[in-house]
Amino acid sequence: MRIIVLFNLKPGVDPAAYEQWARTTDMPGVRALASVSDFRVHRVTGLLGSEAASPYAYAETIDIVGLDPFLADVASEAVQKVAAEFQAFADAPLFLLTEDL
């Protein structure tokens, strides 16, 4: 199962500060979870075939072994701390649950 997260930064948030936090805190922390098989953060650079701006500046992909184990990991105090830090950066992120066809 893969979770796709689409988001922009809150007004006034420095992208360099967010990206440094993502590299040093978010990515290593999420990747260390037993329920996560892969986690990547992407800066969105445009829309294929269009000059229009993307509606989102960032996308994350979180590959998980299962929803229940992931939710159990996310409930921990350490992950809740990182999640609160993420919420301070991200403006109304969308968490999309997906499954392979």
PDB file of N, CA and C in Angstrom:
ATOM      1  N   MET A   1       0.858  -1.165   0.000  1.00  0.00           N
ATOM      2  CA  MET A   1       0.000   0.000   0.000  1.00  0.00           C
ATOM      3  C   MET A   1       0.905   1.230   0.000  1.00  0.00           C
ATOM      4  N   ARG A   2       0.465   2.252  -0.686  1.00  0.00           N
ATOM      5  CA  ARG A   2       1.210   3.505  -0.732  1.00  0.00           C
ATOM      6  C   ARG A   2       0.295   4.652  -0.305  1.00  0.00           C
ATOM      7  N   ILE A   3       0.858   5.525   0.516  1.00  0.00           N
ATOM      8  CA  ILE A   3       0.193   6.769   0.883  1.00  0.00           C
ATOM      9  C   ILE A   3       0.892   7.875   0.110  1.00  0.00           C
ATOM     10  N   ILE A   4       0.118   8.701  -0.567  1.00  0.00           N
ATOM     11  CA  ILE A   4       0.654   9.852  -1.292  1.00  0.00           C
ATOM     12  C   ILE A   4       0.177  11.100  -0.561  1.00  0.00           C
ATOM     13  N   VAL A   5       1.104  11.971  -0.226  1.00  0.00           N
ATOM     14  CA  VAL A   5       0.785  13.198   0.501  1.00  0.00           C
ATOM     15  C   VAL A   5       1.103  14.374  -0.402  1.00  0.00           C
ATOM     16  N   LEU A   6       0.112  15.220  -0.644  1.00  0.00           N
ATOM     17  CA  LEU A   6       0.277  16.418  -1.463  1.00  0.00           C
ATOM     18  C   LEU A   6       0.113  17.638  -0.573  1.00  0.00           C
ATOM     19  N   PHE A   7       1.044  18.606  -0.708  1.00  0.00           N
ATOM     20  CA  PHE A   7       0.924  19.775   0.163  1.00  0.00           C
ATOM     21  C   PHE A   7       1.752  20.943  -0.340  1.00  0.00           C
ATOM     22  N   ASN A   8       1.393  22.094   0.174  1.00  0.00           N
ATOM     23  CA  ASN A   8       2.158  23.327   0.039  1.00  0.00           C
ATOM     24  C   ASN A   8       2.637  23.713   1.428  1.00  0.00           C
ATOM     25  N   LEU A   9       3.598  24.585   1.467  1.00  0.00           N
ATOM     26  CA  LEU A   9       4.055  25.097   2.753  1.00  0.00           C
ATOM     27  C   LEU A   9       3.140  26.220   3.210  1.00  0.00           C
ATOM     28  N   LYS A  10       3.040  26.389   4.499  1.00  0.00           N
ATOM     29  CA  LYS A  10       2.252  27.493   5.044  1.00  0.00           C
ATOM     30  C   LYS A  10       2.890  28.822   4.652  1.00  0.00           C
ATOM     31  N   PRO A  11       2.088  29.870   4.541  1.00  0.00           N
ATOM     32  CA  PRO A  11       2.663  31.183   4.236  1.00  0.00           C
ATOM     33  C   PRO A  11       3.744  31.551   5.249  1.00  0.00           C
ATOM     34  N   GLY A  12       4.833  32.068   4.753  1.00  0.00           N
ATOM     35  CA  GLY A  12       5.931  32.502   5.606  1.00  0.00           C
ATOM     36  C   GLY A  12       6.956  31.431   5.932  1.00  0.00           C
ATOM     37  N   VAL A  13       6.670  30.164   5.575  1.00  0.00           N
ATOM     38  CA  VAL A  13       7.631  29.091   5.840  1.00  0.00           C
ATOM     39  C   VAL A  13       8.726  29.138   4.774  1.00  0.00           C
ATOM     40  N   ASP A  14       9.959  29.106   5.212  1.00  0.00           N
ATOM     41  CA  ASP A  14      11.108  29.105   4.315  1.00  0.00           C
ATOM     42  C   ASP A  14      11.278  27.700   3.721  1.00  0.00           C
ATOM     43  N   PRO A  15      11.189  27.563   2.382  1.00  0.00           N
ATOM     44  CA  PRO A  15      11.363  26.234   1.784  1.00  0.00           C
ATOM     45  C   PRO A  15      12.684  25.566   2.166  1.00  0.00           C
ATOM     46  N   ALA A  16      13.759  26.329   2.265  1.00  0.00           N
ATOM     47  CA  ALA A  16      15.053  25.739   2.638  1.00  0.00           C
ATOM     48  C   ALA A  16      14.994  25.158   4.046  1.00  0.00           C
ATOM     49  N   ALA A  17      14.310  25.816   4.955  1.00  0.00           N
ATOM     50  CA  ALA A  17      14.173  25.307   6.328  1.00  0.00           C
ATOM     51  C   ALA A  17      13.362  24.017   6.332  1.00  0.00           C
ATOM     52  N   TYR A  18      12.263  23.986   5.572  1.00  0.00           N
ATOM     53  CA  TYR A  18      11.461  22.765   5.493  1.00  0.00           C
ATOM     54  C   TYR A  18      12.281  21.621   4.899  1.00  0.00           C
ATOM     55  N   GLU A  19      12.967  21.877   3.801  1.00  0.00           N
ATOM     56  CA  GLU A  19      13.709  20.823   3.126  1.00  0.00           C
ATOM     57  C   GLU A  19      14.848  20.292   3.995  1.00  0.00           C
ATOM     58  N   GLN A  20      15.489  21.145   4.759  1.00  0.00           N
ATOM     59  CA  GLN A  20      16.525  20.696   5.692  1.00  0.00           C
ATOM     60  C   GLN A  20      15.910  19.806   6.769  1.00  0.00           C
ATOM     61  N   TRP A  21      14.775  20.217   7.310  1.00  0.00           N
ATOM     62  CA  TRP A  21      14.073  19.411   8.314  1.00  0.00           C
ATOM     63  C   TRP A  21      13.658  18.064   7.709  1.00  0.00           C
ATOM     64  N   ALA A  22      13.148  18.091   6.474  1.00  0.00           N
ATOM     65  CA  ALA A  22      12.722  16.847   5.827  1.00  0.00           C
ATOM     66  C   ALA A  22      13.899  15.881   5.682  1.00  0.00           C
ATOM     67  N   ARG A  23      15.053  16.399   5.285  1.00  0.00           N
ATOM     68  CA  ARG A  23      16.232  15.543   5.085  1.00  0.00           C
ATOM     69  C   ARG A  23      16.800  15.000   6.403  1.00  0.00           C
ATOM     70  N   THR A  24      16.777  15.815   7.443  1.00  0.00           N
ATOM     71  CA  THR A  24      17.464  15.439   8.680  1.00  0.00           C
ATOM     72  C   THR A  24      16.562  14.808   9.744  1.00  0.00           C
ATOM     73  N   THR A  25      15.263  15.077   9.674  1.00  0.00           N
ATOM     74  CA  THR A  25      14.346  14.582  10.702  1.00  0.00           C
ATOM     75  C   THR A  25      13.266  13.675  10.120  1.00  0.00           C
ATOM     76  N   ASP A  26      12.515  14.185   9.168  1.00  0.00           N
ATOM     77  CA  ASP A  26      11.344  13.473   8.659  1.00  0.00           C
ATOM     78  C   ASP A  26      11.728  12.188   7.932  1.00  0.00           C
ATOM     79  N   MET A  27      12.589  12.294   6.941  1.00  0.00           N
ATOM     80  CA  MET A  27      12.920  11.116   6.136  1.00  0.00           C
ATOM     81  C   MET A  27      13.591  10.020   6.967  1.00  0.00           C
ATOM     82  N   PRO A  28      14.612  10.320   7.758  1.00  0.00           N
ATOM     83  CA  PRO A  28      15.203   9.235   8.556  1.00  0.00           C
ATOM     84  C   PRO A  28      14.223   8.640   9.576  1.00  0.00           C
ATOM     85  N   GLY A  29      13.404   9.484  10.180  1.00  0.00           N
ATOM     86  CA  GLY A  29      12.457   9.004  11.177  1.00  0.00           C
ATOM     87  C   GLY A  29      11.396   8.096  10.598  1.00  0.00           C
ATOM     88  N   VAL A  30      10.800   8.506   9.487  1.00  0.00           N
ATOM     89  CA  VAL A  30       9.746   7.696   8.871  1.00  0.00           C
ATOM     90  C   VAL A  30      10.329   6.411   8.301  1.00  0.00           C
ATOM     91  N   ARG A  31      11.499   6.508   7.678  1.00  0.00           N
ATOM     92  CA  ARG A  31      12.130   5.309   7.101  1.00  0.00           C
ATOM     93  C   ARG A  31      12.490   4.281   8.171  1.00  0.00           C
ATOM     94  N   ALA A  32      12.682   4.707   9.395  1.00  0.00           N
ATOM     95  CA  ALA A  32      13.047   3.793  10.482  1.00  0.00           C
ATOM     96  C   ALA A  32      11.852   3.004  11.021  1.00  0.00           C
ATOM     97  N   LEU A  33      10.644   3.398  10.671  1.00  0.00           N
ATOM     98  CA  LEU A  33       9.458   2.702  11.177  1.00  0.00           C
ATOM     99  C   LEU A  33       9.373   1.298  10.578  1.00  0.00           C
ATOM    100  N   ALA A  34       9.059   0.320  11.395  1.00  0.00           N
ATOM    101  CA  ALA A  34       8.951  -1.063  10.935  1.00  0.00           C
ATOM    102  C   ALA A  34       7.862  -1.238   9.875  1.00  0.00           C
ATOM    103  N   SER A  35       6.831  -0.408   9.925  1.00  0.00           N
ATOM    104  CA  SER A  35       5.707  -0.530   8.991  1.00  0.00           C
ATOM    105  C   SER A  35       5.955   0.153   7.650  1.00  0.00           C
ATOM    106  N   VAL A  36       7.090   0.837   7.499  1.00  0.00           N
ATOM    107  CA  VAL A  36       7.386   1.595   6.275  1.00  0.00           C
ATOM    108  C   VAL A  36       8.493   0.891   5.503  1.00  0.00           C
ATOM    109  N   SER A  37       8.213   0.582   4.220  1.00  0.00           N
ATOM    110  CA  SER A  37       9.233  -0.043   3.371  1.00  0.00           C
ATOM    111  C   SER A  37       9.981   0.983   2.534  1.00  0.00           C
ATOM    112  N   ASP A  38       9.391   2.158   2.305  1.00  0.00           N
ATOM    113  CA  ASP A  38      10.081   3.237   1.587  1.00  0.00           C
ATOM    114  C   ASP A  38       9.351   4.540   1.871  1.00  0.00           C
ATOM    115  N   PHE A  39      10.123   5.627   1.883  1.00  0.00           N
ATOM    116  CA  PHE A  39       9.557   6.964   2.092  1.00  0.00           C
ATOM    117  C   PHE A  39      10.397   7.952   1.309  1.00  0.00           C
ATOM    118  N   ARG A  40       9.736   8.747   0.489  1.00  0.00           N
ATOM    119  CA  ARG A  40      10.428   9.744  -0.322  1.00  0.00           C
ATOM    120  C   ARG A  40       9.665  11.058  -0.281  1.00  0.00           C
ATOM    121  N   VAL A  41      10.415  12.148  -0.297  1.00  0.00           N
ATOM    122  CA  VAL A  41       9.841  13.490  -0.366  1.00  0.00           C
ATOM    123  C   VAL A  41      10.288  14.081  -1.694  1.00  0.00           C
ATOM    124  N   HIS A  42       9.330  14.648  -2.436  1.00  0.00           N
ATOM    125  CA  HIS A  42       9.599  15.198  -3.760  1.00  0.00           C
ATOM    126  C   HIS A  42       9.212  16.669  -3.811  1.00  0.00           C
ATOM    127  N   ARG A  43      10.074  17.483  -4.375  1.00  0.00           N
ATOM    128  CA  ARG A  43       9.723  18.872  -4.701  1.00  0.00           C
ATOM    129  C   ARG A  43       9.077  18.824  -6.082  1.00  0.00           C
ATOM    130  N   VAL A  44       7.877  19.345  -6.215  1.00  0.00           N
ATOM    131  CA  VAL A  44       7.176  19.344  -7.496  1.00  0.00           C
ATOM    132  C   VAL A  44       7.735  20.494  -8.339  1.00  0.00           C
ATOM    133  N   THR A  45       8.136  20.171  -9.575  1.00  0.00           N
ATOM    134  CA  THR A  45       8.779  21.172 -10.430  1.00  0.00           C
ATOM    135  C   THR A  45       7.899  21.669 -11.561  1.00  0.00           C
ATOM    136  N   GLY A  46       6.748  21.063 -11.771  1.00  0.00           N
ATOM    137  CA  GLY A  46       5.857  21.526 -12.830  1.00  0.00           C
ATOM    138  C   GLY A  46       4.821  20.485 -13.181  1.00  0.00           C
ATOM    139  N   LEU A  47       4.024  20.822 -14.179  1.00  0.00           N
ATOM    140  CA  LEU A  47       2.994  19.930 -14.703  1.00  0.00           C
ATOM    141  C   LEU A  47       3.414  19.490 -16.101  1.00  0.00           C
ATOM    142  N   LEU A  48       3.427  18.209 -16.339  1.00  0.00           N
ATOM    143  CA  LEU A  48       3.828  17.675 -17.634  1.00  0.00           C
ATOM    144  C   LEU A  48       2.946  18.229 -18.741  1.00  0.00           C
ATOM    145  N   GLY A  49       3.568  18.816 -19.749  1.00  0.00           N
ATOM    146  CA  GLY A  49       2.840  19.322 -20.905  1.00  0.00           C
ATOM    147  C   GLY A  49       2.121  20.627 -20.678  1.00  0.00           C
ATOM    148  N   SER A  50       2.457  21.340 -19.611  1.00  0.00           N
ATOM    149  CA  SER A  50       1.752  22.577 -19.291  1.00  0.00           C
ATOM    150  C   SER A  50       2.730  23.603 -18.738  1.00  0.00           C
ATOM    151  N   GLU A  51       2.437  24.855 -18.998  1.00  0.00           N
ATOM    152  CA  GLU A  51       3.204  25.957 -18.412  1.00  0.00           C
ATOM    153  C   GLU A  51       2.574  26.431 -17.096  1.00  0.00           C
ATOM    154  N   ALA A  52       1.399  25.896 -16.778  1.00  0.00           N
ATOM    155  CA  ALA A  52       0.698  26.304 -15.554  1.00  0.00           C
ATOM    156  C   ALA A  52       1.471  25.839 -14.322  1.00  0.00           C
ATOM    157  N   ALA A  53       1.318  26.581 -13.257  1.00  0.00           N
ATOM    158  CA  ALA A  53       1.954  26.209 -11.990  1.00  0.00           C
ATOM    159  C   ALA A  53       1.249  24.994 -11.396  1.00  0.00           C
ATOM    160  N   SER A  54       2.006  24.162 -10.725  1.00  0.00           N
ATOM    161  CA  SER A  54       1.433  23.016 -10.042  1.00  0.00           C
ATOM    162  C   SER A  54       0.591  23.500  -8.864  1.00  0.00           C
ATOM    163  N   PRO A  55      -0.515  22.815  -8.575  1.00  0.00           N
ATOM    164  CA  PRO A  55      -1.301  23.198  -7.399  1.00  0.00           C
ATOM    165  C   PRO A  55      -0.609  22.803  -6.088  1.00  0.00           C
ATOM    166  N   TYR A  56       0.417  21.957  -6.157  1.00  0.00           N
ATOM    167  CA  TYR A  56       1.143  21.532  -4.962  1.00  0.00           C
ATOM    168  C   TYR A  56       2.642  21.705  -5.166  1.00  0.00           C
ATOM    169  N   ALA A  57       3.331  22.117  -4.110  1.00  0.00           N
ATOM    170  CA  ALA A  57       4.777  22.322  -4.170  1.00  0.00           C
ATOM    171  C   ALA A  57       5.547  21.058  -3.795  1.00  0.00           C
ATOM    172  N   TYR A  58       4.923  20.167  -3.011  1.00  0.00           N
ATOM    173  CA  TYR A  58       5.612  18.969  -2.545  1.00  0.00           C
ATOM    174  C   TYR A  58       4.681  17.760  -2.610  1.00  0.00           C
ATOM    175  N   ALA A  59       5.310  16.589  -2.774  1.00  0.00           N
ATOM    176  CA  ALA A  59       4.598  15.313  -2.718  1.00  0.00           C
ATOM    177  C   ALA A  59       5.465  14.325  -1.962  1.00  0.00           C
ATOM    178  N   GLU A  60       4.833  13.534  -1.131  1.00  0.00           N
ATOM    179  CA  GLU A  60       5.523  12.458  -0.429  1.00  0.00           C
ATOM    180  C   GLU A  60       4.910  11.139  -0.852  1.00  0.00           C
ATOM    181  N   THR A  61       5.726  10.106  -0.905  1.00  0.00           N
ATOM    182  CA  THR A  61       5.224   8.753  -1.090  1.00  0.00           C
ATOM    183  C   THR A  61       5.712   7.923   0.086  1.00  0.00           C
ATOM    184  N   ILE A  62       4.768   7.261   0.737  1.00  0.00           N
ATOM    185  CA  ILE A  62       5.071   6.412   1.887  1.00  0.00           C
ATOM    186  C   ILE A  62       4.575   5.008   1.553  1.00  0.00           C
ATOM    187  N   ASP A  63       5.491   4.089   1.338  1.00  0.00           N
ATOM    188  CA  ASP A  63       5.131   2.698   1.079  1.00  0.00           C
ATOM    189  C   ASP A  63       5.076   1.975   2.422  1.00  0.00           C
ATOM    190  N   ILE A  64       3.920   1.394   2.709  1.00  0.00           N
ATOM    191  CA  ILE A  64       3.714   0.748   4.008  1.00  0.00           C
ATOM    192  C   ILE A  64       3.359  -0.723   3.824  1.00  0.00           C
ATOM    193  N   VAL A  65       3.684  -1.527   4.832  1.00  0.00           N
ATOM    194  CA  VAL A  65       3.380  -2.954   4.771  1.00  0.00           C
ATOM    195  C   VAL A  65       1.908  -3.230   5.048  1.00  0.00           C
ATOM    196  N   GLY A  66       1.246  -2.318   5.714  1.00  0.00           N
ATOM    197  CA  GLY A  66      -0.172  -2.446   6.011  1.00  0.00           C
ATOM    198  C   GLY A  66      -0.646  -1.246   6.805  1.00  0.00           C
ATOM    199  N   LEU A  67      -1.901  -0.926   6.679  1.00  0.00           N
ATOM    200  CA  LEU A  67      -2.437   0.257   7.344  1.00  0.00           C
ATOM    201  C   LEU A  67      -2.433   0.109   8.862  1.00  0.00           C
ATOM    202  N   ASP A  68      -2.853  -1.038   9.379  1.00  0.00           N
ATOM    203  CA  ASP A  68      -2.900  -1.207  10.839  1.00  0.00           C
ATOM    204  C   ASP A  68      -1.517  -1.085  11.482  1.00  0.00           C
ATOM    205  N   PRO A  69      -0.486  -1.752  10.933  1.00  0.00           N
ATOM    206  CA  PRO A  69       0.844  -1.572  11.528  1.00  0.00           C
ATOM    207  C   PRO A  69       1.339  -0.123  11.427  1.00  0.00           C
ATOM    208  N   PHE A  70       1.034   0.538  10.320  1.00  0.00           N
ATOM    209  CA  PHE A  70       1.456   1.931  10.157  1.00  0.00           C
ATOM    210  C   PHE A  70       0.762   2.821  11.187  1.00  0.00           C
ATOM    211  N   LEU A  71      -0.540   2.647  11.360  1.00  0.00           N
ATOM    212  CA  LEU A  71      -1.274   3.454  12.339  1.00  0.00           C
ATOM    213  C   LEU A  71      -0.755   3.207  13.753  1.00  0.00           C
ATOM    214  N   ALA A  72      -0.357   1.974  14.049  1.00  0.00           N
ATOM    215  CA  ALA A  72       0.223   1.679  15.362  1.00  0.00           C
ATOM    216  C   ALA A  72       1.548   2.411  15.535  1.00  0.00           C
ATOM    217  N   ASP A  73       2.392   2.419  14.495  1.00  0.00           N
ATOM    218  CA  ASP A  73       3.657   3.147  14.565  1.00  0.00           C
ATOM    219  C   ASP A  73       3.431   4.645  14.722  1.00  0.00           C
ATOM    220  N   VAL A  74       2.471   5.171  13.984  1.00  0.00           N
ATOM    221  CA  VAL A  74       2.200   6.609  13.995  1.00  0.00           C
ATOM    222  C   VAL A  74       1.667   7.067  15.353  1.00  0.00           C
ATOM    223  N   ALA A  75       1.076   6.179  16.099  1.00  0.00           N
ATOM    224  CA  ALA A  75       0.514   6.536  17.405  1.00  0.00           C
ATOM    225  C   ALA A  75       1.588   6.759  18.470  1.00  0.00           C
ATOM    226  N   SER A  76       2.831   6.380  18.177  1.00  0.00           N
ATOM    227  CA  SER A  76       3.881   6.530  19.186  1.00  0.00           C
ATOM    228  C   SER A  76       4.173   8.004  19.451  1.00  0.00           C
ATOM    229  N   GLU A  77       4.671   8.282  20.651  1.00  0.00           N
ATOM    230  CA  GLU A  77       4.966   9.657  21.049  1.00  0.00           C
ATOM    231  C   GLU A  77       6.036  10.286  20.148  1.00  0.00           C
ATOM    232  N   ALA A  78       7.045   9.507  19.761  1.00  0.00           N
ATOM    233  CA  ALA A  78       8.124  10.036  18.909  1.00  0.00           C
ATOM    234  C   ALA A  78       7.591  10.447  17.541  1.00  0.00           C
ATOM    235  N   VAL A  79       6.730   9.621  16.956  1.00  0.00           N
ATOM    236  CA  VAL A  79       6.179   9.947  15.633  1.00  0.00           C
ATOM    237  C   VAL A  79       5.208  11.111  15.742  1.00  0.00           C
ATOM    238  N   GLN A  80       4.462  11.190  16.811  1.00  0.00           N
ATOM    239  CA  GLN A  80       3.544  12.310  17.002  1.00  0.00           C
ATOM    240  C   GLN A  80       4.300  13.636  17.094  1.00  0.00           C
ATOM    241  N   LYS A  81       5.489  13.621  17.672  1.00  0.00           N
ATOM    242  CA  LYS A  81       6.318  14.821  17.739  1.00  0.00           C
ATOM    243  C   LYS A  81       6.728  15.266  16.332  1.00  0.00           C
ATOM    244  N   VAL A  82       7.175  14.312  15.510  1.00  0.00           N
ATOM    245  CA  VAL A  82       7.564  14.629  14.126  1.00  0.00           C
ATOM    246  C   VAL A  82       6.345  15.074  13.323  1.00  0.00           C
ATOM    247  N   ALA A  83       5.209  14.434  13.544  1.00  0.00           N
ATOM    248  CA  ALA A  83       3.983  14.812  12.837  1.00  0.00           C
ATOM    249  C   ALA A  83       3.575  16.244  13.181  1.00  0.00           C
ATOM    250  N   ALA A  84       3.726  16.639  14.421  1.00  0.00           N
ATOM    251  CA  ALA A  84       3.400  18.012  14.826  1.00  0.00           C
ATOM    252  C   ALA A  84       4.349  19.004  14.151  1.00  0.00           C
ATOM    253  N   GLU A  85       5.617  18.634  14.040  1.00  0.00           N
ATOM    254  CA  GLU A  85       6.572  19.502  13.345  1.00  0.00           C
ATOM    255  C   GLU A  85       6.185  19.631  11.869  1.00  0.00           C
ATOM    256  N   PHE A  86       5.793  18.511  11.250  1.00  0.00           N
ATOM    257  CA  PHE A  86       5.345  18.539   9.850  1.00  0.00           C
ATOM    258  C   PHE A  86       4.141  19.470   9.697  1.00  0.00           C
ATOM    259  N   GLN A  87       3.185  19.374  10.603  1.00  0.00           N
ATOM    260  CA  GLN A  87       1.987  20.213  10.533  1.00  0.00           C
ATOM    261  C   GLN A  87       2.323  21.703  10.660  1.00  0.00           C
ATOM    262  N   ALA A  88       3.428  22.022  11.315  1.00  0.00           N
ATOM    263  CA  ALA A  88       3.856  23.424  11.416  1.00  0.00           C
ATOM    264  C   ALA A  88       4.373  23.944  10.078  1.00  0.00           C
ATOM    265  N   PHE A  89       4.860  23.037   9.224  1.00  0.00           N
ATOM    266  CA  PHE A  89       5.353  23.419   7.898  1.00  0.00           C
ATOM    267  C   PHE A  89       4.256  23.369   6.834  1.00  0.00           C
ATOM    268  N   ALA A  90       3.458  22.312   6.846  1.00  0.00           N
ATOM    269  CA  ALA A  90       2.546  21.988   5.746  1.00  0.00           C
ATOM    270  C   ALA A  90       1.181  22.638   5.923  1.00  0.00           C
ATOM    271  N   ASP A  91       0.660  23.163   4.828  1.00  0.00           N
ATOM    272  CA  ASP A  91      -0.638  23.828   4.807  1.00  0.00           C
ATOM    273  C   ASP A  91      -1.695  22.866   4.271  1.00  0.00           C
ATOM    274  N   ALA A  92      -2.501  22.311   5.146  1.00  0.00           N
ATOM    275  CA  ALA A  92      -3.620  21.424   4.791  1.00  0.00           C
ATOM    276  C   ALA A  92      -3.190  20.278   3.872  1.00  0.00           C
ATOM    277  N   PRO A  93      -2.249  19.425   4.316  1.00  0.00           N
ATOM    278  CA  PRO A  93      -1.812  18.314   3.459  1.00  0.00           C
ATOM    279  C   PRO A  93      -2.940  17.324   3.201  1.00  0.00           C
ATOM    280  N   LEU A  94      -2.924  16.745   1.992  1.00  0.00           N
ATOM    281  CA  LEU A  94      -3.874  15.699   1.624  1.00  0.00           C
ATOM    282  C   LEU A  94      -3.152  14.373   1.703  1.00  0.00           C
ATOM    283  N   PHE A  95      -3.707  13.411   2.448  1.00  0.00           N
ATOM    284  CA  PHE A  95      -3.140  12.084   2.592  1.00  0.00           C
ATOM    285  C   PHE A  95      -4.020  11.120   1.787  1.00  0.00           C
ATOM    286  N   LEU A  96      -3.503  10.650   0.671  1.00  0.00           N
ATOM    287  CA  LEU A  96      -4.258   9.770  -0.228  1.00  0.00           C
ATOM    288  C   LEU A  96      -3.846   8.322  -0.004  1.00  0.00           C
ATOM    289  N   LEU A  97      -4.793   7.467   0.351  1.00  0.00           N
ATOM    290  CA  LEU A  97      -4.529   6.041   0.498  1.00  0.00           C
ATOM    291  C   LEU A  97      -4.701   5.385  -0.867  1.00  0.00           C
ATOM    292  N   THR A  98      -3.722   4.570  -1.254  1.00  0.00           N
ATOM    293  CA  THR A  98      -3.794   3.915  -2.575  1.00  0.00           C
ATOM    294  C   THR A  98      -3.519   2.427  -2.422  1.00  0.00           C
ATOM    295  N   GLU A  99      -3.852   1.698  -3.475  1.00  0.00           N
ATOM    296  CA  GLU A  99      -3.489   0.291  -3.567  1.00  0.00           C
ATOM    297  C   GLU A  99      -3.158  -0.006  -5.018  1.00  0.00           C
ATOM    298  N   ASP A 100      -2.270  -0.961  -5.226  1.00  0.00           N
ATOM    299  CA  ASP A 100      -1.885  -1.341  -6.570  1.00  0.00           C
ATOM    300  C   ASP A 100      -3.018  -2.105  -7.240  1.00  0.00           C
ATOM    301  N   LEU A 101      -3.137  -1.920  -8.530  1.00  0.00           N
ATOM    302  CA  LEU A 101      -4.130  -2.679  -9.304  1.00  0.00           C
ATOM    303  C   LEU A 101      -3.592  -4.048  -9.646  1.00  0.00           C
TER     304      LEU A 101
END
